[in-house]
Full PDB file with SEQRES, HELIX, SHEET, SSBOND, CRYST1, ORIGX, SCALE, CONECT and MASTER records, all heavy atoms in Angstrom:
SEQRES   1 A   36  GLU ALA GLU PHE LEU ALA ILE ALA LEU VAL LEU VAL TYR          
SEQRES   2 A   36  VAL GLY ALA VAL MET VAL LEU PHE LEU PHE VAL VAL MET          
SEQRES   3 A   36  MET LEU ASP ILE ASN ILE ALA GLU LEU ARG                      
HELIX    1 AA1 GLU A    3  ALA A    8  1                                   6    
HELIX    2 AA2 LEU A    9  VAL A   17  3                                   9    
HELIX    3 AA3 MET A   18  LEU A   28  1                                  11    
HELIX    4 AA4 ILE A   32  LEU A   35  1                                   4    
CRYST1    1.000    1.000    1.000  90.00  90.00  90.00 P 1           1          
ORIGX1      1.000000  0.000000  0.000000        0.00000                         
ORIGX2      0.000000  1.000000  0.000000        0.00000                         
ORIGX3      0.000000  0.000000  1.000000        0.00000                         
SCALE1      1.000000  0.000000  0.000000        0.00000                         
SCALE2      0.000000  1.000000  0.000000        0.00000                         
SCALE3      0.000000  0.000000  1.000000        0.00000                         
ATOM      1  N   GLU A   1       0.820  -1.208  -0.001  1.00  0.00           N  
ATOM      2  CA  GLU A   1      -0.001   0.006  -0.006  1.00  0.00           C  
ATOM      3  C   GLU A   1       0.857   1.269  -0.014  1.00  0.00           C  
ATOM      4  O   GLU A   1       0.466   2.298   0.569  1.00  0.00           O  
ATOM      5  CB  GLU A   1      -0.987   0.011   1.191  1.00  0.00           C  
ATOM      6  CG  GLU A   1      -1.963  -1.132   1.162  1.00  0.00           C  
ATOM      7  CD  GLU A   1      -2.938  -1.075   2.318  1.00  0.00           C  
ATOM      8  OE1 GLU A   1      -2.811  -0.139   3.148  1.00  0.00           O  
ATOM      9  OE2 GLU A   1      -3.791  -1.969   2.418  1.00  0.00           O  
ATOM     10  N   ALA A   2       2.020   1.195  -0.627  1.00  0.00           N  
ATOM     11  CA  ALA A   2       2.892   2.366  -0.776  1.00  0.00           C  
ATOM     12  C   ALA A   2       2.871   2.749  -2.281  1.00  0.00           C  
ATOM     13  O   ALA A   2       3.850   2.581  -2.985  1.00  0.00           O  
ATOM     14  CB  ALA A   2       4.313   2.073  -0.296  1.00  0.00           C  
ATOM     15  N   GLU A   3       1.707   3.261  -2.702  1.00  0.00           N  
ATOM     16  CA  GLU A   3       1.525   3.510  -4.152  1.00  0.00           C  
ATOM     17  C   GLU A   3       2.470   4.595  -4.635  1.00  0.00           C  
ATOM     18  O   GLU A   3       2.970   4.530  -5.759  1.00  0.00           O  
ATOM     19  CB  GLU A   3       0.066   3.902  -4.405  1.00  0.00           C  
ATOM     20  CG  GLU A   3      -0.953   2.817  -4.120  1.00  0.00           C  
ATOM     21  CD  GLU A   3      -1.394   2.832  -2.687  1.00  0.00           C  
ATOM     22  OE1 GLU A   3      -0.942   3.719  -1.925  1.00  0.00           O  
ATOM     23  OE2 GLU A   3      -2.200   1.967  -2.292  1.00  0.00           O  
ATOM     24  N   PHE A   4       2.673   5.643  -3.825  1.00  0.00           N  
ATOM     25  CA  PHE A   4       3.553   6.729  -4.260  1.00  0.00           C  
ATOM     26  C   PHE A   4       4.973   6.245  -4.495  1.00  0.00           C  
ATOM     27  O   PHE A   4       5.606   6.617  -5.506  1.00  0.00           O  
ATOM     28  CB  PHE A   4       3.529   7.833  -3.210  1.00  0.00           C  
ATOM     29  CG  PHE A   4       4.503   8.942  -3.515  1.00  0.00           C  
ATOM     30  CD1 PHE A   4       4.220   9.881  -4.501  1.00  0.00           C  
ATOM     31  CD2 PHE A   4       5.690   9.053  -2.832  1.00  0.00           C  
ATOM     32  CE1 PHE A   4       5.119  10.896  -4.812  1.00  0.00           C  
ATOM     33  CE2 PHE A   4       6.611  10.056  -3.109  1.00  0.00           C  
ATOM     34  CZ  PHE A   4       6.315  10.980  -4.088  1.00  0.00           C  
ATOM     35  N   LEU A   5       5.491   5.407  -3.610  1.00  0.00           N  
ATOM     36  CA  LEU A   5       6.849   4.900  -3.781  1.00  0.00           C  
ATOM     37  C   LEU A   5       6.938   4.012  -5.041  1.00  0.00           C  
ATOM     38  O   LEU A   5       7.936   4.040  -5.752  1.00  0.00           O  
ATOM     39  CB  LEU A   5       7.267   4.096  -2.562  1.00  0.00           C  
ATOM     40  CG  LEU A   5       7.531   4.897  -1.296  1.00  0.00           C  
ATOM     41  CD1 LEU A   5       7.864   3.978  -0.175  1.00  0.00           C  
ATOM     42  CD2 LEU A   5       8.599   5.927  -1.496  1.00  0.00           C  
ATOM     43  N   ALA A   6       5.877   3.239  -5.296  1.00  0.00           N  
ATOM     44  CA  ALA A   6       5.906   2.373  -6.462  1.00  0.00           C  
ATOM     45  C   ALA A   6       5.914   3.201  -7.768  1.00  0.00           C  
ATOM     46  O   ALA A   6       6.699   2.922  -8.684  1.00  0.00           O  
ATOM     47  CB  ALA A   6       4.681   1.448  -6.468  1.00  0.00           C  
ATOM     48  N   ILE A   7       5.067   4.223  -7.822  1.00  0.00           N  
ATOM     49  CA  ILE A   7       5.022   5.059  -9.035  1.00  0.00           C  
ATOM     50  C   ILE A   7       6.318   5.854  -9.178  1.00  0.00           C  
ATOM     51  O   ILE A   7       6.848   6.016 -10.286  1.00  0.00           O  
ATOM     52  CB  ILE A   7       3.826   6.013  -8.984  1.00  0.00           C  
ATOM     53  CG1 ILE A   7       2.503   5.186  -8.973  1.00  0.00           C  
ATOM     54  CG2 ILE A   7       3.832   6.967 -10.128  1.00  0.00           C  
ATOM     55  CD1 ILE A   7       2.320   4.327 -10.203  1.00  0.00           C  
ATOM     56  N   ALA A   8       6.865   6.336  -8.043  1.00  0.00           N  
ATOM     57  CA  ALA A   8       8.122   7.093  -8.104  1.00  0.00           C  
ATOM     58  C   ALA A   8       9.266   6.207  -8.587  1.00  0.00           C  
ATOM     59  O   ALA A   8      10.141   6.628  -9.341  1.00  0.00           O  
ATOM     60  CB  ALA A   8       8.451   7.683  -6.756  1.00  0.00           C  
ATOM     61  N   LEU A   9       9.263   4.929  -8.160  1.00  0.00           N  
ATOM     62  CA  LEU A   9      10.306   4.004  -8.581  1.00  0.00           C  
ATOM     63  C   LEU A   9      10.240   3.797 -10.099  1.00  0.00           C  
ATOM     64  O   LEU A   9      11.288   3.777 -10.771  1.00  0.00           O  
ATOM     65  CB  LEU A   9      10.146   2.655  -7.853  1.00  0.00           C  
ATOM     66  CG  LEU A   9      11.165   1.572  -8.214  1.00  0.00           C  
ATOM     67  CD1 LEU A   9      12.553   1.982  -7.780  1.00  0.00           C  
ATOM     68  CD2 LEU A   9      10.766   0.256  -7.566  1.00  0.00           C  
ATOM     69  N   VAL A  10       9.056   3.613 -10.617  1.00  0.00           N  
ATOM     70  CA  VAL A  10       8.908   3.370 -12.050  1.00  0.00           C  
ATOM     71  C   VAL A  10       9.256   4.634 -12.865  1.00  0.00           C  
ATOM     72  O   VAL A  10      10.012   4.568 -13.839  1.00  0.00           O  
ATOM     73  CB  VAL A  10       7.488   2.877 -12.382  1.00  0.00           C  
ATOM     74  CG1 VAL A  10       7.262   2.830 -13.900  1.00  0.00           C  
ATOM     75  CG2 VAL A  10       7.225   1.533 -11.759  1.00  0.00           C  
ATOM     76  N   LEU A  11       8.745   5.783 -12.427  1.00  0.00           N  
ATOM     77  CA  LEU A  11       8.946   7.007 -13.206  1.00  0.00           C  
ATOM     78  C   LEU A  11      10.384   7.514 -13.099  1.00  0.00           C  
ATOM     79  O   LEU A  11      10.977   7.880 -14.126  1.00  0.00           O  
ATOM     80  CB  LEU A  11       7.986   8.106 -12.736  1.00  0.00           C  
ATOM     81  CG  LEU A  11       6.500   7.872 -12.995  1.00  0.00           C  
ATOM     82  CD1 LEU A  11       5.676   9.022 -12.463  1.00  0.00           C  
ATOM     83  CD2 LEU A  11       6.251   7.665 -14.478  1.00  0.00           C  
ATOM     84  N   VAL A  12      10.928   7.515 -11.890  1.00  0.00           N  
ATOM     85  CA  VAL A  12      12.244   8.127 -11.694  1.00  0.00           C  
ATOM     86  C   VAL A  12      13.362   7.142 -12.074  1.00  0.00           C  
ATOM     87  O   VAL A  12      14.212   7.464 -12.915  1.00  0.00           O  
ATOM     88  CB  VAL A  12      12.425   8.565 -10.235  1.00  0.00           C  
ATOM     89  CG1 VAL A  12      13.842   9.104  -9.998  1.00  0.00           C  
ATOM     90  CG2 VAL A  12      11.397   9.647  -9.880  1.00  0.00           C  
ATOM     91  N   TYR A  13      13.349   5.947 -11.494  1.00  0.00           N  
ATOM     92  CA  TYR A  13      14.466   5.024 -11.741  1.00  0.00           C  
ATOM     93  C   TYR A  13      14.380   4.352 -13.079  1.00  0.00           C  
ATOM     94  O   TYR A  13      15.347   4.347 -13.826  1.00  0.00           O  
ATOM     95  CB  TYR A  13      14.528   3.974 -10.622  1.00  0.00           C  
ATOM     96  CG  TYR A  13      15.111   4.524  -9.352  1.00  0.00           C  
ATOM     97  CD1 TYR A  13      14.302   5.096  -8.389  1.00  0.00           C  
ATOM     98  CD2 TYR A  13      16.469   4.484  -9.139  1.00  0.00           C  
ATOM     99  CE1 TYR A  13      14.866   5.617  -7.213  1.00  0.00           C  
ATOM    100  CE2 TYR A  13      17.059   5.004  -7.979  1.00  0.00           C  
ATOM    101  CZ  TYR A  13      16.239   5.556  -7.039  1.00  0.00           C  
ATOM    102  OH  TYR A  13      16.786   6.090  -5.915  1.00  0.00           O  
ATOM    103  N   VAL A  14      13.221   3.799 -13.417  1.00  0.00           N  
ATOM    104  CA  VAL A  14      13.093   3.106 -14.707  1.00  0.00           C  
ATOM    105  C   VAL A  14      13.095   4.118 -15.852  1.00  0.00           C  
ATOM    106  O   VAL A  14      13.721   3.910 -16.899  1.00  0.00           O  
ATOM    107  CB  VAL A  14      11.831   2.234 -14.759  1.00  0.00           C  
ATOM    108  CG1 VAL A  14      11.655   1.600 -16.100  1.00  0.00           C  
ATOM    109  CG2 VAL A  14      11.932   1.170 -13.671  1.00  0.00           C  
ATOM    110  N   GLY A  15      12.433   5.252 -15.655  1.00  0.00           N  
ATOM    111  CA  GLY A  15      12.282   6.220 -16.738  1.00  0.00           C  
ATOM    112  C   GLY A  15      13.465   7.155 -16.927  1.00  0.00           C  
ATOM    113  O   GLY A  15      13.703   7.600 -18.024  1.00  0.00           O  
ATOM    114  N   ALA A  16      14.247   7.417 -15.853  1.00  0.00           N  
ATOM    115  CA  ALA A  16      15.340   8.376 -15.977  1.00  0.00           C  
ATOM    116  C   ALA A  16      16.699   7.787 -15.650  1.00  0.00           C  
ATOM    117  O   ALA A  16      17.640   7.871 -16.441  1.00  0.00           O  
ATOM    118  CB  ALA A  16      15.043   9.576 -15.059  1.00  0.00           C  
ATOM    119  N   VAL A  17      16.815   7.166 -14.490  1.00  0.00           N  
ATOM    120  CA  VAL A  17      18.109   6.678 -14.066  1.00  0.00           C  
ATOM    121  C   VAL A  17      18.597   5.529 -14.961  1.00  0.00           C  
ATOM    122  O   VAL A  17      19.796   5.458 -15.271  1.00  0.00           O  
ATOM    123  CB  VAL A  17      18.029   6.221 -12.573  1.00  0.00           C  
ATOM    124  CG1 VAL A  17      19.372   5.640 -12.122  1.00  0.00           C  
ATOM    125  CG2 VAL A  17      17.656   7.380 -11.692  1.00  0.00           C  
ATOM    126  N   MET A  18      17.716   4.648 -15.382  1.00  0.00           N  
ATOM    127  CA  MET A  18      18.152   3.562 -16.248  1.00  0.00           C  
ATOM    128  C   MET A  18      18.605   4.061 -17.612  1.00  0.00           C  
ATOM    129  O   MET A  18      19.519   3.513 -18.202  1.00  0.00           O  
ATOM    130  CB  MET A  18      16.982   2.537 -16.406  1.00  0.00           C  
ATOM    131  CG  MET A  18      16.782   1.677 -15.201  1.00  0.00           C  
ATOM    132  SD  MET A  18      18.195   0.676 -14.773  1.00  0.00           S  
ATOM    133  CE  MET A  18      18.909   1.638 -13.443  1.00  0.00           C  
ATOM    134  N   VAL A  19      17.954   5.146 -18.087  1.00  0.00           N  
ATOM    135  CA  VAL A  19      18.411   5.736 -19.352  1.00  0.00           C  
ATOM    136  C   VAL A  19      19.824   6.288 -19.168  1.00  0.00           C  
ATOM    137  O   VAL A  19      20.686   6.160 -20.028  1.00  0.00           O  
ATOM    138  CB  VAL A  19      17.432   6.825 -19.811  1.00  0.00           C  
ATOM    139  CG1 VAL A  19      17.977   7.576 -21.015  1.00  0.00           C  
ATOM    140  CG2 VAL A  19      16.065   6.228 -20.102  1.00  0.00           C  
ATOM    141  N   LEU A  20      20.068   6.927 -17.997  1.00  0.00           N  
ATOM    142  CA  LEU A  20      21.424   7.428 -17.718  1.00  0.00           C  
ATOM    143  C   LEU A  20      22.423   6.288 -17.623  1.00  0.00           C  
ATOM    144  O   LEU A  20      23.546   6.386 -18.150  1.00  0.00           O  
ATOM    145  CB  LEU A  20      21.384   8.218 -16.401  1.00  0.00           C  
ATOM    146  CG  LEU A  20      22.745   8.724 -15.918  1.00  0.00           C  
ATOM    147  CD1 LEU A  20      23.312   9.752 -16.905  1.00  0.00           C  
ATOM    148  CD2 LEU A  20      22.578   9.377 -14.545  1.00  0.00           C  
ATOM    149  N   PHE A  21      22.048   5.177 -16.977  1.00  0.00           N  
ATOM    150  CA  PHE A  21      22.927   4.027 -16.874  1.00  0.00           C  
ATOM    151  C   PHE A  21      23.273   3.498 -18.273  1.00  0.00           C  
ATOM    152  O   PHE A  21      24.448   3.233 -18.586  1.00  0.00           O  
ATOM    153  CB  PHE A  21      22.289   2.935 -16.045  1.00  0.00           C  
ATOM    154  CG  PHE A  21      22.413   3.135 -14.553  1.00  0.00           C  
ATOM    155  CD1 PHE A  21      22.950   4.301 -14.057  1.00  0.00           C  
ATOM    156  CD2 PHE A  21      21.981   2.194 -13.683  1.00  0.00           C  
ATOM    157  CE1 PHE A  21      23.071   4.502 -12.714  1.00  0.00           C  
ATOM    158  CE2 PHE A  21      22.095   2.374 -12.316  1.00  0.00           C  
ATOM    159  CZ  PHE A  21      22.639   3.537 -11.819  1.00  0.00           C  
ATOM    160  N   LEU A  22      22.272   3.347 -19.132  1.00  0.00           N  
ATOM    161  CA  LEU A  22      22.506   2.867 -20.470  1.00  0.00           C  
ATOM    162  C   LEU A  22      23.433   3.829 -21.248  1.00  0.00           C  
ATOM    163  O   LEU A  22      24.308   3.405 -21.974  1.00  0.00           O  
ATOM    164  CB  LEU A  22      21.192   2.682 -21.234  1.00  0.00           C  
ATOM    165  CG  LEU A  22      20.395   1.401 -20.893  1.00  0.00           C  
ATOM    166  CD1 LEU A  22      19.047   1.459 -21.560  1.00  0.00           C  
ATOM    167  CD2 LEU A  22      21.140   0.168 -21.322  1.00  0.00           C  
ATOM    168  N   PHE A  23      23.192   5.121 -21.066  1.00  0.00           N  
ATOM    169  CA  PHE A  23      24.031   6.126 -21.737  1.00  0.00           C  
ATOM    170  C   PHE A  23      25.497   5.987 -21.265  1.00  0.00           C  
ATOM    171  O   PHE A  23      26.413   5.998 -22.108  1.00  0.00           O  
ATOM    172  CB  PHE A  23      23.485   7.527 -21.413  1.00  0.00           C  
ATOM    173  CG  PHE A  23      24.352   8.635 -21.919  1.00  0.00           C  
ATOM    174  CD1 PHE A  23      24.347   8.957 -23.290  1.00  0.00           C  
ATOM    175  CD2 PHE A  23      25.172   9.342 -21.072  1.00  0.00           C  
ATOM    176  CE1 PHE A  23      25.149   9.991 -23.755  1.00  0.00           C  
ATOM    177  CE2 PHE A  23      25.961  10.394 -21.528  1.00  0.00           C  
ATOM    178  CZ  PHE A  23      25.942  10.695 -22.880  1.00  0.00           C  
ATOM    179  N   VAL A  24      25.699   5.870 -19.965  1.00  0.00           N  
ATOM    180  CA  VAL A  24      27.058   5.748 -19.473  1.00  0.00           C  
ATOM    181  C   VAL A  24      27.720   4.457 -19.906  1.00  0.00           C  
ATOM    182  O   VAL A  24      28.905   4.451 -20.317  1.00  0.00           O  
ATOM    183  CB  VAL A  24      27.065   5.855 -17.916  1.00  0.00           C  
ATOM    184  CG1 VAL A  24      28.403   5.522 -17.335  1.00  0.00           C  
ATOM    185  CG2 VAL A  24      26.639   7.224 -17.473  1.00  0.00           C  
ATOM    186  N   VAL A  25      26.982   3.339 -19.885  1.00  0.00           N  
ATOM    187  CA  VAL A  25      27.563   2.063 -20.265  1.00  0.00           C  
ATOM    188  C   VAL A  25      27.927   2.072 -21.747  1.00  0.00           C  
ATOM    189  O   VAL A  25      29.006   1.562 -22.114  1.00  0.00           O  
ATOM    190  CB  VAL A  25      26.520   0.924 -19.994  1.00  0.00           C  
ATOM    191  CG1 VAL A  25      26.904  -0.346 -20.719  1.00  0.00           C  
ATOM    192  CG2 VAL A  25      26.421   0.666 -18.487  1.00  0.00           C  
ATOM    193  N   MET A  26      27.112   2.668 -22.564  1.00  0.00           N  
ATOM    194  CA  MET A  26      27.428   2.688 -23.991  1.00  0.00           C  
ATOM    195  C   MET A  26      28.519   3.707 -24.340  1.00  0.00           C  
ATOM    196  O   MET A  26      29.270   3.493 -25.300  1.00  0.00           O  
ATOM    197  CB  MET A  26      26.166   3.021 -24.781  1.00  0.00           C  
ATOM    198  CG  MET A  26      25.120   1.920 -24.725  1.00  0.00           C  
ATOM    199  SD  MET A  26      23.646   2.349 -25.648  1.00  0.00           S  
ATOM    200  CE  MET A  26      22.668   0.885 -25.391  1.00  0.00           C  
ATOM    201  N   MET A  27      28.622   4.783 -23.576  1.00  0.00           N  
ATOM    202  CA  MET A  27      29.626   5.807 -23.879  1.00  0.00           C  
ATOM    203  C   MET A  27      31.017   5.469 -23.338  1.00  0.00           C  
ATOM    204  O   MET A  27      32.007   5.928 -23.873  1.00  0.00           O  
ATOM    205  CB  MET A  27      29.178   7.154 -23.309  1.00  0.00           C  
ATOM    206  CG  MET A  27      28.015   7.776 -24.006  1.00  0.00           C  
ATOM    207  SD  MET A  27      28.408   8.334 -25.657  1.00  0.00           S  
ATOM    208  CE  MET A  27      29.528   9.677 -25.318  1.00  0.00           C  
ATOM    209  N   LEU A  28      31.071   4.647 -22.255  1.00  0.00           N  
ATOM    210  CA  LEU A  28      32.368   4.376 -21.636  1.00  0.00           C  
ATOM    211  C   LEU A  28      33.208   3.396 -22.435  1.00  0.00           C  
ATOM    212  O   LEU A  28      34.415   3.318 -22.215  1.00  0.00           O  
ATOM    213  CB  LEU A  28      32.176   3.868 -20.215  1.00  0.00           C  
ATOM    214  CG  LEU A  28      31.781   4.885 -19.167  1.00  0.00           C  
ATOM    215  CD1 LEU A  28      31.634   4.232 -17.805  1.00  0.00           C  
ATOM    216  CD2 LEU A  28      32.812   6.007 -19.102  1.00  0.00           C  
ATOM    217  N   ASP A  29      32.593   2.602 -23.284  1.00  0.00           N  
ATOM    218  CA  ASP A  29      33.308   1.573 -24.069  1.00  0.00           C  
ATOM    219  C   ASP A  29      34.133   0.673 -23.127  1.00  0.00           C  
ATOM    220  O   ASP A  29      35.354   0.593 -23.195  1.00  0.00           O  
ATOM    221  CB  ASP A  29      34.216   2.249 -25.093  1.00  0.00           C  
ATOM    222  CG  ASP A  29      34.739   1.243 -26.132  1.00  0.00           C  
ATOM    223  OD1 ASP A  29      34.135   0.164 -26.239  1.00  0.00           O  
ATOM    224  OD2 ASP A  29      35.754   1.525 -26.772  1.00  0.00           O  
ATOM    225  N   ILE A  30      33.401   0.004 -22.210  1.00  0.00           N  
ATOM    226  CA  ILE A  30      34.054  -0.805 -21.183  1.00  0.00           C  
ATOM    227  C   ILE A  30      34.645  -2.065 -21.771  1.00  0.00           C  
ATOM    228  O   ILE A  30      34.020  -2.739 -22.608  1.00  0.00           O  
ATOM    229  CB  ILE A  30      33.007  -1.185 -20.088  1.00  0.00           C  
ATOM    230  CG1 ILE A  30      32.431   0.099 -19.464  1.00  0.00           C  
ATOM    231  CG2 ILE A  30      33.625  -2.044 -19.029  1.00  0.00           C  
ATOM    232  CD1 ILE A  30      31.269  -0.145 -18.505  1.00  0.00           C  
ATOM    233  N   ASN A  31      35.830  -2.429 -21.343  1.00  0.00           N  
ATOM    234  CA  ASN A  31      36.468  -3.656 -21.750  1.00  0.00           C  
ATOM    235  C   ASN A  31      35.891  -4.799 -20.908  1.00  0.00           C  
ATOM    236  O   ASN A  31      36.274  -5.006 -19.756  1.00  0.00           O  
ATOM    237  CB  ASN A  31      37.993  -3.573 -21.586  1.00  0.00           C  
ATOM    238  CG  ASN A  31      38.692  -4.803 -22.184  1.00  0.00           C  
ATOM    239  OD1 ASN A  31      38.061  -5.716 -22.681  1.00  0.00           O  
ATOM    240  ND2 ASN A  31      40.004  -4.787 -22.119  1.00  0.00           N  
ATOM    241  N   ILE A  32      34.931  -5.539 -21.463  1.00  0.00           N  
ATOM    242  CA  ILE A  32      34.201  -6.547 -20.671  1.00  0.00           C  
ATOM    243  C   ILE A  32      35.122  -7.700 -20.282  1.00  0.00           C  
ATOM    244  O   ILE A  32      35.049  -8.220 -19.193  1.00  0.00           O  
ATOM    245  CB  ILE A  32      32.984  -7.051 -21.496  1.00  0.00           C  
ATOM    246  CG1 ILE A  32      32.051  -5.881 -21.841  1.00  0.00           C  
ATOM    247  CG2 ILE A  32      32.235  -8.123 -20.736  1.00  0.00           C  
ATOM    248  CD1 ILE A  32      30.945  -6.258 -22.782  1.00  0.00           C  
ATOM    249  N   ALA A  33      36.030  -8.100 -21.165  1.00  0.00           N  
ATOM    250  CA  ALA A  33      36.907  -9.221 -20.857  1.00  0.00           C  
ATOM    251  C   ALA A  33      37.787  -8.925 -19.659  1.00  0.00           C  
ATOM    252  O   ALA A  33      38.032  -9.788 -18.793  1.00  0.00           O  
ATOM    253  CB  ALA A  33      37.788  -9.533 -22.091  1.00  0.00           C  
ATOM    254  N   GLU A  34      38.244  -7.678 -19.540  1.00  0.00           N  
ATOM    255  CA  GLU A  34      39.096  -7.322 -18.384  1.00  0.00           C  
ATOM    256  C   GLU A  34      38.280  -7.307 -17.107  1.00  0.00           C  
ATOM    257  O   GLU A  34      38.810  -7.678 -16.059  1.00  0.00           O  
ATOM    258  CB  GLU A  34      39.702  -5.927 -18.656  1.00  0.00           C  
ATOM    259  CG  GLU A  34      40.644  -5.479 -17.563  1.00  0.00           C  
ATOM    260  CD  GLU A  34      41.246  -4.123 -17.876  1.00  0.00           C  
ATOM    261  OE1 GLU A  34      41.108  -3.646 -19.015  1.00  0.00           O  
ATOM    262  OE2 GLU A  34      41.846  -3.542 -16.975  1.00  0.00           O  
ATOM    263  N   LEU A  35      37.011  -6.891 -17.167  1.00  0.00           N  
ATOM    264  CA  LEU A  35      36.191  -6.885 -15.990  1.00  0.00           C  
ATOM    265  C   LEU A  35      35.843  -8.313 -15.489  1.00  0.00           C  
ATOM    266  O   LEU A  35      35.779  -8.549 -14.299  1.00  0.00           O  
ATOM    267  CB  LEU A  35      34.888  -6.115 -16.261  1.00  0.00           C  
ATOM    268  CG  LEU A  35      34.997  -4.620 -16.437  1.00  0.00           C  
ATOM    269  CD1 LEU A  35      33.625  -4.040 -16.749  1.00  0.00           C  
ATOM    270  CD2 LEU A  35      35.565  -3.958 -15.169  1.00  0.00           C  
ATOM    271  N   ARG A  36      35.661  -9.220 -16.457  1.00  0.00           N  
ATOM    272  CA  ARG A  36      35.274 -10.582 -16.072  1.00  0.00           C  
ATOM    273  C   ARG A  36      36.466 -11.411 -15.653  1.00  0.00           C  
ATOM    274  O   ARG A  36      36.296 -12.517 -15.150  1.00  0.00           O  
ATOM    275  CB  ARG A  36      34.595 -11.271 -17.312  1.00  0.00           C  
ATOM    276  CG  ARG A  36      33.374 -10.588 -17.774  1.00  0.00           C  
ATOM    277  CD  ARG A  36      32.212 -10.775 -16.864  1.00  0.00           C  
ATOM    278  NE  ARG A  36      31.837 -12.170 -16.709  1.00  0.00           N  
ATOM    279  CZ  ARG A  36      30.823 -12.615 -15.984  1.00  0.00           C  
ATOM    280  NH1 ARG A  36      30.125 -11.760 -15.277  1.00  0.00           N  
ATOM    281  NH2 ARG A  36      30.549 -13.910 -15.916  1.00  0.00           N  
TER     282      ARG A  36                                                      
MASTER        0    0    0    4    0    0    0    6  281    1    0    3          
END                                                                             
């Protein structure tokens, strides 16, 4: 029954923060083999 937190999680994190994560991951050109 925490509807506000659920909507904020979807709008803020899924809608904005995840886009930022994808942008950073794609722009950094990470060497995956070295990380693994």
